Amino acid sequence: MPTPLDELIRQAAARLPAPTRNATTRARRAALAALDGGSRRPRSGGRVSLLAAAAVLLAAGAAAGFLLAPSGRTARGAPVLPAGPGFVPANGWNTIATARPRVAVAVAANVDLLDAAVPLLWPQRTLERLPSDGIVLVATLRPKDELRLLEARPSLPLDLRDATMATVRGLTRYSMRGARAGYDIDVDVYFAEPPSAPLLAEAQAELGRLAVPPITIFARPSIVPSPISPQFEPVLLGGSIASRGTPETVTVQANECTFPGWRDIVSETTDDGEWRARVPVATKSAFRAKWKTAVSATVTVQTRPGVNLEQLGRRTWSIRVLAQRSFLDRRARLQRFDVRTGRWKTVKLVRLTEKQRTRGVGVWTYGTARALVRSGSQLRAYVPRQIVGPCYLAGYSIIITAR
């Protein structure tokens, strides 16, 4: 039952202006830090103190962002998805969200979330102990891209009257599908038993608090070969915005491992809310998209350095590595394919002792070594990730035959 102070806080929040993104993030972190104070017993009057602190934050205009921002959480130990989709926090509900590169999961429950610390959300324990008046909503959101067939789905908010009902492991489940701002959305609503009208109304109200960011982004592929590879091509970035009408401008920003800091790299115009851009990637890079004041979640593209192996003489080998930085004094590996074991075996460690910068391409780091290898052997040069990381994955040359 809400207290008079709860109502006072709610009314104060309603009169506040919308918070900025930075204020929202700072307030969320501060509030969650206060809630996650550990397992110590709260002092007497802790609830009053916490509410009073919230009132102070509201008066300062900071906590409104925490109360209104998507993907906040009240469950202890749960990760926060700052720019991703989720349920808007509301009185009496615990919310949590998490994301992987291709999928986001958001959970809301009017009971304690017993699975709050699980990295990939599935509220198994919560569902197993769901009381008769309990409700659990699980939303799975996948950014659309041009590889998937775009289904005709209703937009948010979803309506339980359109759901498909089934009994799953003793629970009543309502399932529905939707779409919003470039996301395909699947929502399952669980009840311990066939719900009453008031319980359905409570679930519908929380379903209406499912929110997604107004702009999305995807990257394909997520790992690109080096610029000297025949398979190299620019990365396709794309996504959607909430507006499907007039063409809008989307700006793509990059944060490169070898050139830290966000910077604008390209601007594109949307077509029916969709945007696409092709960008060359030479080092591990994070990308995000901006539309008006909205910023998408971040996607990361990994890269490999260019590696070249050359036989200079009967026993002389040269290995060159191309990247945005040099790898002087690092050791590449000359490897031979062992037909008997089906594995690559290191024949020689080759120290990279020279470098040469090529304008517009990068830096070649190279070295030579002597090694006797039987004619006809299959050879390659290999640089492991621990040598070229963190900005690059392991690199491989094309396979050559020893003369």
Protein backbone atom coordinates (compact mmCIF):
# COMPACT_ATOMS: atom_id res chain seq x y z
CA MET A 1 0.00 0.00 0.00
CA PRO A 2 1.57 3.34 -1.02
CA THR A 3 2.28 5.69 1.86
CA PRO A 4 1.55 9.45 1.81
CA LEU A 5 5.26 10.01 1.31
CA ASP A 6 5.24 7.67 -1.71
CA GLU A 7 2.41 9.72 -3.22
CA LEU A 8 4.26 12.94 -2.47
CA ILE A 9 7.34 11.63 -4.28
CA ARG A 10 5.25 10.51 -7.25
CA GLN A 11 3.63 13.92 -7.55
CA ALA A 12 7.01 15.65 -7.27
CA ALA A 13 8.41 13.48 -10.06
CA ALA A 14 5.46 14.29 -12.32
CA ARG A 15 6.19 18.02 -12.05
CA LEU A 16 9.88 17.70 -12.91
CA PRO A 17 11.26 18.32 -16.41
CA ALA A 18 12.66 15.36 -18.35
CA PRO A 19 16.25 14.61 -17.24
CA THR A 20 19.27 14.61 -19.49
CA ARG A 21 20.96 11.31 -20.38
CA ASN A 22 23.96 12.08 -18.16
CA ALA A 23 21.74 12.98 -15.21
CA THR A 24 19.78 9.77 -15.72
CA THR A 25 22.91 7.63 -15.73
CA ARG A 26 24.41 9.33 -12.65
CA ALA A 27 21.17 9.10 -10.71
CA ARG A 28 20.64 5.45 -11.60
CA ARG A 29 24.14 4.50 -10.46
CA ALA A 30 23.80 6.45 -7.22
CA ALA A 31 20.41 4.98 -6.41
CA LEU A 32 21.49 1.44 -7.21
CA ALA A 33 24.63 1.83 -5.13
CA ALA A 34 22.43 2.85 -2.21
CA LEU A 35 20.15 -0.14 -2.75
CA ASP A 36 23.06 -2.58 -3.12
CA GLY A 37 24.68 -1.77 0.18
CA GLY A 38 25.48 -5.42 0.83
CA SER A 39 24.00 -8.00 3.15
CA ARG A 40 24.28 -5.98 6.34
CA ARG A 41 21.11 -5.58 8.40
CA PRO A 42 19.49 -2.20 7.68
CA ARG A 43 19.37 0.23 10.53
CA SER A 44 16.14 1.03 12.29
CA GLY A 45 14.07 3.42 10.21
CA GLY A 46 15.96 2.46 7.03
CA ARG A 47 12.83 2.66 4.85
CA VAL A 48 12.10 6.19 6.02
CA SER A 49 15.70 7.21 5.43
CA LEU A 50 15.69 5.73 1.92
CA LEU A 51 12.44 7.47 1.01
CA ALA A 52 13.70 10.74 2.42
CA ALA A 53 16.87 10.40 0.34
CA ALA A 54 14.72 9.73 -2.73
CA ALA A 55 12.70 12.85 -2.00
CA VAL A 56 15.88 14.90 -1.83
CA LEU A 57 17.00 13.48 -5.18
CA LEU A 58 13.64 14.24 -6.72
CA ALA A 59 13.74 17.79 -5.44
CA ALA A 60 17.12 18.16 -7.14
CA GLY A 61 15.69 16.80 -10.38
CA ALA A 62 18.15 13.90 -10.57
CA ALA A 63 16.19 10.80 -9.61
CA ALA A 64 13.44 11.36 -12.15
CA GLY A 65 15.70 9.85 -14.78
CA PHE A 66 16.15 6.72 -12.68
CA LEU A 67 12.40 6.36 -12.24
CA LEU A 68 11.59 6.97 -15.88
CA ALA A 69 14.55 5.53 -17.76
CA PRO A 70 14.11 2.20 -19.59
CA SER A 71 16.03 -0.82 -18.34
CA GLY A 72 16.57 0.35 -14.80
CA ARG A 73 16.53 -2.34 -12.16
CA THR A 74 15.71 -2.81 -8.55
CA ALA A 75 17.01 -6.34 -8.18
CA ARG A 76 20.24 -6.69 -6.23
CA GLY A 77 23.29 -7.74 -8.23
CA ALA A 78 21.65 -7.20 -11.62
CA PRO A 79 23.43 -5.54 -14.52
CA VAL A 80 22.07 -2.33 -16.04
CA LEU A 81 21.64 -1.89 -19.77
CA PRO A 82 22.16 1.89 -20.14
CA ALA A 83 21.11 2.39 -23.76
CA GLY A 84 19.12 -0.75 -24.37
CA PRO A 85 15.49 -1.86 -24.16
CA GLY A 86 13.68 -2.82 -20.98
CA PHE A 87 10.77 -2.15 -18.65
CA VAL A 88 10.40 1.31 -17.18
CA PRO A 89 10.71 0.96 -13.37
CA ALA A 90 7.42 1.30 -11.52
CA ASN A 91 6.24 1.03 -7.93
CA GLY A 92 5.78 -2.61 -6.91
CA TRP A 93 7.78 -4.06 -9.80
CA ASN A 94 11.32 -5.42 -10.04
CA THR A 95 12.91 -4.95 -13.45
CA ILE A 96 16.15 -6.14 -14.97
CA ALA A 97 17.68 -6.16 -18.45
CA THR A 98 20.77 -7.55 -20.11
CA ALA A 99 22.09 -7.69 -23.65
CA ARG A 100 24.36 -9.66 -25.94
CA PRO A 101 25.47 -8.57 -29.41
CA ARG A 102 22.40 -10.02 -31.14
CA VAL A 103 19.74 -10.15 -28.44
CA ALA A 104 18.47 -8.26 -25.41
CA VAL A 105 16.35 -9.76 -22.64
CA ALA A 106 14.22 -7.75 -20.20
CA VAL A 107 12.35 -9.18 -17.22
CA ALA A 108 9.75 -7.60 -14.95
CA ALA A 109 8.06 -9.20 -11.94
CA ASN A 110 5.74 -8.08 -9.17
CA VAL A 111 7.62 -10.48 -6.86
CA ASP A 112 11.28 -10.73 -5.86
CA LEU A 113 13.56 -11.68 -8.75
CA LEU A 114 15.45 -14.71 -7.49
CA ASP A 115 17.60 -14.93 -10.63
CA ALA A 116 18.86 -11.33 -10.61
CA ALA A 117 22.56 -12.22 -10.73
CA VAL A 118 22.29 -14.62 -13.69
CA PRO A 119 24.23 -13.05 -16.62
CA LEU A 120 21.90 -14.37 -19.34
CA LEU A 121 18.43 -13.78 -18.03
CA TRP A 122 15.95 -16.57 -17.58
CA PRO A 123 13.93 -16.29 -14.35
CA GLN A 124 13.75 -20.03 -13.69
CA ARG A 125 13.81 -19.89 -9.89
CA THR A 126 11.37 -17.00 -9.86
CA LEU A 127 8.93 -18.93 -12.05
CA GLU A 128 9.27 -22.10 -9.97
CA ARG A 129 8.24 -20.17 -6.84
CA LEU A 130 5.62 -17.93 -8.42
CA PRO A 131 2.74 -17.28 -5.97
CA SER A 132 -0.91 -17.20 -6.99
CA ASP A 133 -0.86 -13.40 -7.36
CA GLY A 134 2.58 -13.31 -9.03
CA ILE A 135 3.33 -12.04 -12.53
CA VAL A 136 6.53 -12.41 -14.55
CA LEU A 137 7.09 -10.81 -17.95
CA VAL A 138 9.99 -11.89 -20.17
CA ALA A 139 10.71 -9.82 -23.28
CA THR A 140 13.24 -10.91 -25.92
CA LEU A 141 14.28 -8.21 -28.38
CA ARG A 142 16.38 -8.71 -31.48
CA PRO A 143 17.51 -5.83 -33.72
CA LYS A 144 16.28 -6.29 -37.26
CA ASP A 145 18.77 -6.49 -40.08
CA GLU A 146 18.42 -7.08 -43.79
CA LEU A 147 19.28 -10.80 -43.51
CA ARG A 148 16.08 -11.64 -41.65
CA LEU A 149 12.62 -11.64 -43.11
CA LEU A 150 10.87 -8.62 -41.65
CA GLU A 151 7.59 -9.84 -40.28
CA ALA A 152 4.47 -7.74 -40.07
CA ARG A 153 4.11 -7.26 -36.32
CA PRO A 154 2.02 -4.88 -34.21
CA SER A 155 3.84 -1.95 -32.66
CA LEU A 156 4.22 -1.29 -28.95
CA PRO A 157 2.40 -1.21 -26.65
CA LEU A 158 1.26 -4.83 -26.95
CA ASP A 159 -2.15 -6.01 -25.80
CA LEU A 160 -2.78 -9.17 -23.78
CA ARG A 161 -6.08 -9.59 -25.63
CA ASP A 162 -4.03 -10.43 -28.74
CA ALA A 163 -1.89 -13.02 -26.95
CA THR A 164 -1.83 -16.79 -27.40
CA MET A 165 -2.51 -18.60 -24.14
CA ALA A 166 -0.95 -21.95 -23.14
CA THR A 167 -0.13 -23.99 -20.06
CA VAL A 168 3.62 -24.52 -19.63
CA ARG A 169 4.99 -26.54 -16.70
CA GLY A 170 1.97 -25.77 -14.60
CA LEU A 171 2.06 -22.03 -15.36
CA THR A 172 -0.34 -20.03 -17.50
CA ARG A 173 1.56 -18.26 -20.27
CA TYR A 174 0.39 -15.46 -22.54
CA SER A 175 2.63 -15.03 -25.62
CA MET A 176 2.66 -12.18 -28.10
CA ARG A 177 4.90 -10.63 -30.73
CA GLY A 178 5.54 -7.05 -31.70
CA ALA A 179 7.97 -4.60 -33.24
CA ARG A 180 9.29 -1.15 -32.44
CA ALA A 181 12.15 1.07 -33.65
CA GLY A 182 13.93 -1.72 -35.51
CA TYR A 183 13.39 -4.45 -32.89
CA ASP A 184 11.51 -7.72 -33.28
CA ILE A 185 9.96 -8.31 -29.86
CA ASP A 186 8.66 -11.51 -28.27
CA VAL A 187 6.97 -11.27 -24.86
CA ASP A 188 5.84 -14.06 -22.56
CA VAL A 189 3.69 -13.23 -19.51
CA TYR A 190 3.52 -15.91 -16.81
CA PHE A 191 0.90 -16.44 -14.11
CA ALA A 192 0.84 -19.19 -11.50
CA GLU A 193 -2.76 -20.00 -12.48
CA PRO A 194 -5.40 -18.64 -14.86
CA PRO A 195 -5.39 -14.94 -13.97
CA SER A 196 -8.26 -12.92 -12.63
CA ALA A 197 -9.34 -9.68 -14.35
CA PRO A 198 -7.46 -7.48 -11.83
CA LEU A 199 -4.28 -9.53 -12.30
CA LEU A 200 -4.59 -9.26 -16.08
CA ALA A 201 -5.02 -5.49 -15.75
CA GLU A 202 -1.88 -5.29 -13.59
CA ALA A 203 0.09 -7.29 -16.17
CA GLN A 204 -1.24 -5.13 -19.01
CA ALA A 205 -0.11 -1.98 -17.22
CA GLU A 206 3.43 -3.35 -16.89
CA LEU A 207 3.38 -4.55 -20.49
CA GLY A 208 2.71 -0.95 -21.47
CA ARG A 209 5.95 0.06 -19.74
CA LEU A 210 8.13 -1.96 -22.11
CA ALA A 211 10.30 0.58 -23.92
CA VAL A 212 13.04 0.45 -26.56
CA PRO A 213 15.64 3.04 -27.57
CA PRO A 214 14.54 5.19 -30.50
CA ILE A 215 17.52 4.13 -32.64
CA THR A 216 19.19 0.76 -33.20
CA ILE A 217 22.42 -0.41 -34.80
CA PHE A 218 23.85 -3.67 -36.14
CA ALA A 219 27.19 -4.54 -37.76
CA ARG A 220 27.96 -7.28 -40.26
CA PRO A 221 30.32 -9.01 -40.18
CA SER A 222 31.47 -8.72 -36.57
CA ILE A 223 34.97 -10.01 -37.47
CA VAL A 224 36.71 -8.72 -40.58
CA PRO A 225 39.91 -9.95 -42.24
CA SER A 226 42.89 -7.70 -42.81
CA PRO A 227 42.92 -5.13 -45.62
CA ILE A 228 45.36 -7.29 -47.61
CA SER A 229 42.98 -10.27 -47.58
CA PRO A 230 41.03 -11.02 -50.78
CA GLN A 231 37.94 -11.37 -48.56
CA PHE A 232 38.26 -7.87 -47.11
CA GLU A 233 35.33 -5.52 -47.60
CA PRO A 234 33.85 -2.59 -45.66
CA VAL A 235 31.61 -3.42 -42.73
CA LEU A 236 27.89 -2.93 -43.21
CA LEU A 237 26.36 -0.87 -40.41
CA GLY A 238 22.63 -0.33 -40.24
CA GLY A 239 19.61 0.04 -38.05
CA SER A 240 16.28 1.76 -37.61
CA ILE A 241 14.82 4.84 -35.97
CA ALA A 242 11.40 5.28 -34.40
CA SER A 243 10.27 7.71 -37.14
CA ARG A 244 9.03 6.13 -40.37
CA GLY A 245 8.01 9.31 -42.13
CA THR A 246 10.22 12.10 -43.42
CA PRO A 247 13.88 11.15 -44.10
CA GLU A 248 16.08 11.87 -41.10
CA THR A 249 19.86 12.21 -40.66
CA VAL A 250 21.70 9.54 -38.67
CA THR A 251 25.33 10.11 -37.68
CA VAL A 252 27.60 7.12 -37.11
CA GLN A 253 30.38 7.45 -34.54
CA ALA A 254 33.43 5.24 -34.06
CA ASN A 255 35.75 4.58 -31.13
CA GLU A 256 38.85 2.84 -32.49
CA CYS A 257 41.18 0.82 -30.30
CA THR A 258 44.25 2.47 -31.81
CA PHE A 259 42.64 5.93 -31.87
CA PRO A 260 40.49 6.15 -28.70
CA GLY A 261 37.63 8.57 -28.38
CA TRP A 262 34.26 8.85 -30.09
CA ARG A 263 34.27 10.73 -33.39
CA ASP A 264 31.80 11.20 -36.24
CA ILE A 265 32.72 9.16 -39.30
CA VAL A 266 29.70 9.29 -41.61
CA SER A 267 26.15 10.63 -41.84
CA GLU A 268 23.35 8.83 -43.65
CA THR A 269 19.74 9.63 -44.49
CA THR A 270 17.01 7.20 -43.47
CA ASP A 271 14.63 5.55 -45.92
CA ASP A 272 11.31 4.69 -44.28
CA GLY A 273 13.08 4.72 -40.92
CA GLU A 274 15.95 2.43 -42.02
CA TRP A 275 19.57 3.52 -42.40
CA ARG A 276 22.66 1.81 -43.84
CA ALA A 277 26.36 2.73 -44.11
CA ARG A 278 29.49 0.92 -45.24
CA VAL A 279 32.72 1.77 -43.41
CA PRO A 280 36.24 0.31 -43.69
CA VAL A 281 37.56 -1.11 -40.41
CA ALA A 282 41.31 -1.51 -39.85
CA THR A 283 41.40 -2.12 -36.09
CA LYS A 284 39.02 -3.21 -33.35
CA SER A 285 36.31 -0.54 -33.30
CA ALA A 286 33.11 0.24 -31.44
CA PHE A 287 30.29 1.93 -33.32
CA ARG A 288 27.15 3.75 -32.28
CA ALA A 289 24.55 5.83 -34.09
CA LYS A 290 23.01 9.19 -33.18
CA TRP A 291 19.64 10.55 -34.23
CA LYS A 292 18.71 13.96 -32.83
CA THR A 293 19.41 13.55 -29.10
CA ALA A 294 19.10 9.73 -29.08
CA VAL A 295 22.13 7.44 -29.07
CA SER A 296 22.02 3.74 -29.91
CA ALA A 297 23.63 0.90 -28.05
CA THR A 298 27.22 0.05 -29.07
CA VAL A 299 28.37 -2.71 -31.42
CA THR A 300 31.98 -3.85 -31.68
CA VAL A 301 33.78 -5.12 -34.77
CA GLN A 302 36.97 -7.16 -34.35
CA THR A 303 39.77 -7.26 -36.93
CA ARG A 304 42.85 -9.27 -37.81
CA PRO A 305 46.24 -7.87 -38.78
CA GLY A 306 47.62 -8.49 -42.25
CA VAL A 307 50.24 -11.25 -42.24
CA ASN A 308 52.50 -12.09 -45.18
CA LEU A 309 54.93 -15.01 -45.49
CA GLU A 310 57.63 -15.13 -48.16
CA GLN A 311 60.42 -17.61 -48.89
CA LEU A 312 63.53 -15.60 -49.74
CA GLY A 313 65.92 -18.52 -50.17
CA ARG A 314 66.21 -22.24 -49.52
CA ARG A 315 66.40 -21.63 -45.77
CA THR A 316 65.43 -17.95 -45.43
CA TRP A 317 61.94 -16.78 -44.56
CA SER A 318 60.38 -13.35 -44.18
CA ILE A 319 57.30 -12.53 -42.14
CA ARG A 320 55.58 -9.16 -42.35
CA VAL A 321 52.68 -7.90 -40.22
CA LEU A 322 50.43 -5.00 -41.26
CA ALA A 323 48.49 -3.04 -38.63
CA GLN A 324 47.80 0.50 -37.47
CA ARG A 325 50.75 0.27 -35.07
CA SER A 326 54.10 -1.53 -35.13
CA PHE A 327 54.92 -4.75 -33.31
CA LEU A 328 58.68 -4.31 -33.03
CA ASP A 329 60.46 -6.99 -31.01
CA ARG A 330 57.40 -9.22 -31.00
CA ARG A 331 57.79 -12.78 -32.24
CA ALA A 332 55.72 -14.20 -35.07
CA ARG A 333 55.65 -17.93 -35.77
CA LEU A 334 56.62 -19.86 -38.87
CA GLN A 335 54.44 -22.97 -38.86
CA ARG A 336 54.33 -26.22 -40.84
CA PHE A 337 51.25 -28.37 -41.31
CA ASP A 338 51.80 -31.86 -39.89
CA VAL A 339 49.84 -34.29 -42.04
CA ARG A 340 50.09 -37.09 -39.47
CA THR A 341 48.50 -35.11 -36.62
CA GLY A 342 46.44 -32.72 -38.71
CA ARG A 343 47.83 -29.76 -36.77
CA TRP A 344 50.09 -26.78 -37.33
CA LYS A 345 53.49 -27.05 -35.65
CA THR A 346 55.78 -24.11 -34.98
CA VAL A 347 59.07 -24.42 -36.85
CA LYS A 348 60.66 -21.12 -35.93
CA LEU A 349 59.97 -18.00 -33.88
CA VAL A 350 60.68 -14.95 -36.03
CA ARG A 351 61.52 -11.69 -34.26
CA LEU A 352 60.09 -8.60 -35.93
CA THR A 353 62.99 -6.16 -36.10
CA GLU A 354 62.09 -3.59 -38.77
CA LYS A 355 59.15 -1.35 -39.51
CA GLN A 356 57.95 0.74 -42.43
CA ARG A 357 54.94 3.05 -42.48
CA THR A 358 52.82 3.00 -45.63
CA ARG A 359 50.73 6.11 -46.11
CA GLY A 360 47.02 5.41 -45.89
CA VAL A 361 47.55 1.72 -45.14
CA GLY A 362 49.32 1.32 -41.81
CA VAL A 363 52.65 0.07 -40.49
CA TRP A 364 54.49 -3.00 -41.74
CA THR A 365 56.56 -4.72 -39.08
CA TYR A 366 58.82 -7.44 -40.44
CA GLY A 367 61.65 -9.81 -39.70
CA THR A 368 63.62 -12.67 -41.29
CA ALA A 369 64.87 -15.99 -40.00
CA ARG A 370 66.60 -19.14 -41.21
CA ALA A 371 64.84 -22.50 -40.99
CA LEU A 372 65.29 -25.72 -42.93
CA VAL A 373 61.94 -27.06 -44.11
CA ARG A 374 61.38 -30.04 -46.39
CA SER A 375 60.35 -29.09 -49.94
CA GLY A 376 56.62 -29.50 -50.54
CA SER A 377 55.71 -28.71 -46.93
CA GLN A 378 52.68 -26.49 -46.36
CA LEU A 379 53.67 -23.38 -44.38
CA ARG A 380 52.04 -20.33 -42.90
CA ALA A 381 52.94 -17.38 -40.69
CA TYR A 382 50.95 -16.92 -37.51
CA VAL A 383 50.80 -14.14 -34.91
CA PRO A 384 48.82 -15.06 -31.76
CA ARG A 385 46.40 -12.71 -30.11
CA GLN A 386 48.61 -12.18 -27.07
CA ILE A 387 51.17 -10.57 -29.39
CA VAL A 388 48.87 -8.24 -31.34
CA GLY A 389 46.08 -7.69 -28.79
CA PRO A 390 44.07 -5.99 -27.51
CA CYS A 391 43.37 -4.20 -30.79
CA TYR A 392 43.60 -7.27 -33.02
CA LEU A 393 42.67 -10.92 -33.09
CA ALA A 394 45.20 -13.54 -34.12
CA GLY A 395 46.53 -13.18 -37.68
CA TYR A 396 47.36 -15.77 -40.33
CA SER A 397 49.08 -15.58 -43.71
CA ILE A 398 47.96 -17.48 -46.76
CA ILE A 399 49.42 -21.00 -46.99
CA ILE A 400 52.47 -21.42 -49.24
CA THR A 401 54.41 -24.49 -50.36
CA ALA A 402 58.12 -24.70 -49.48
CA ARG A 403 60.45 -24.86 -52.45
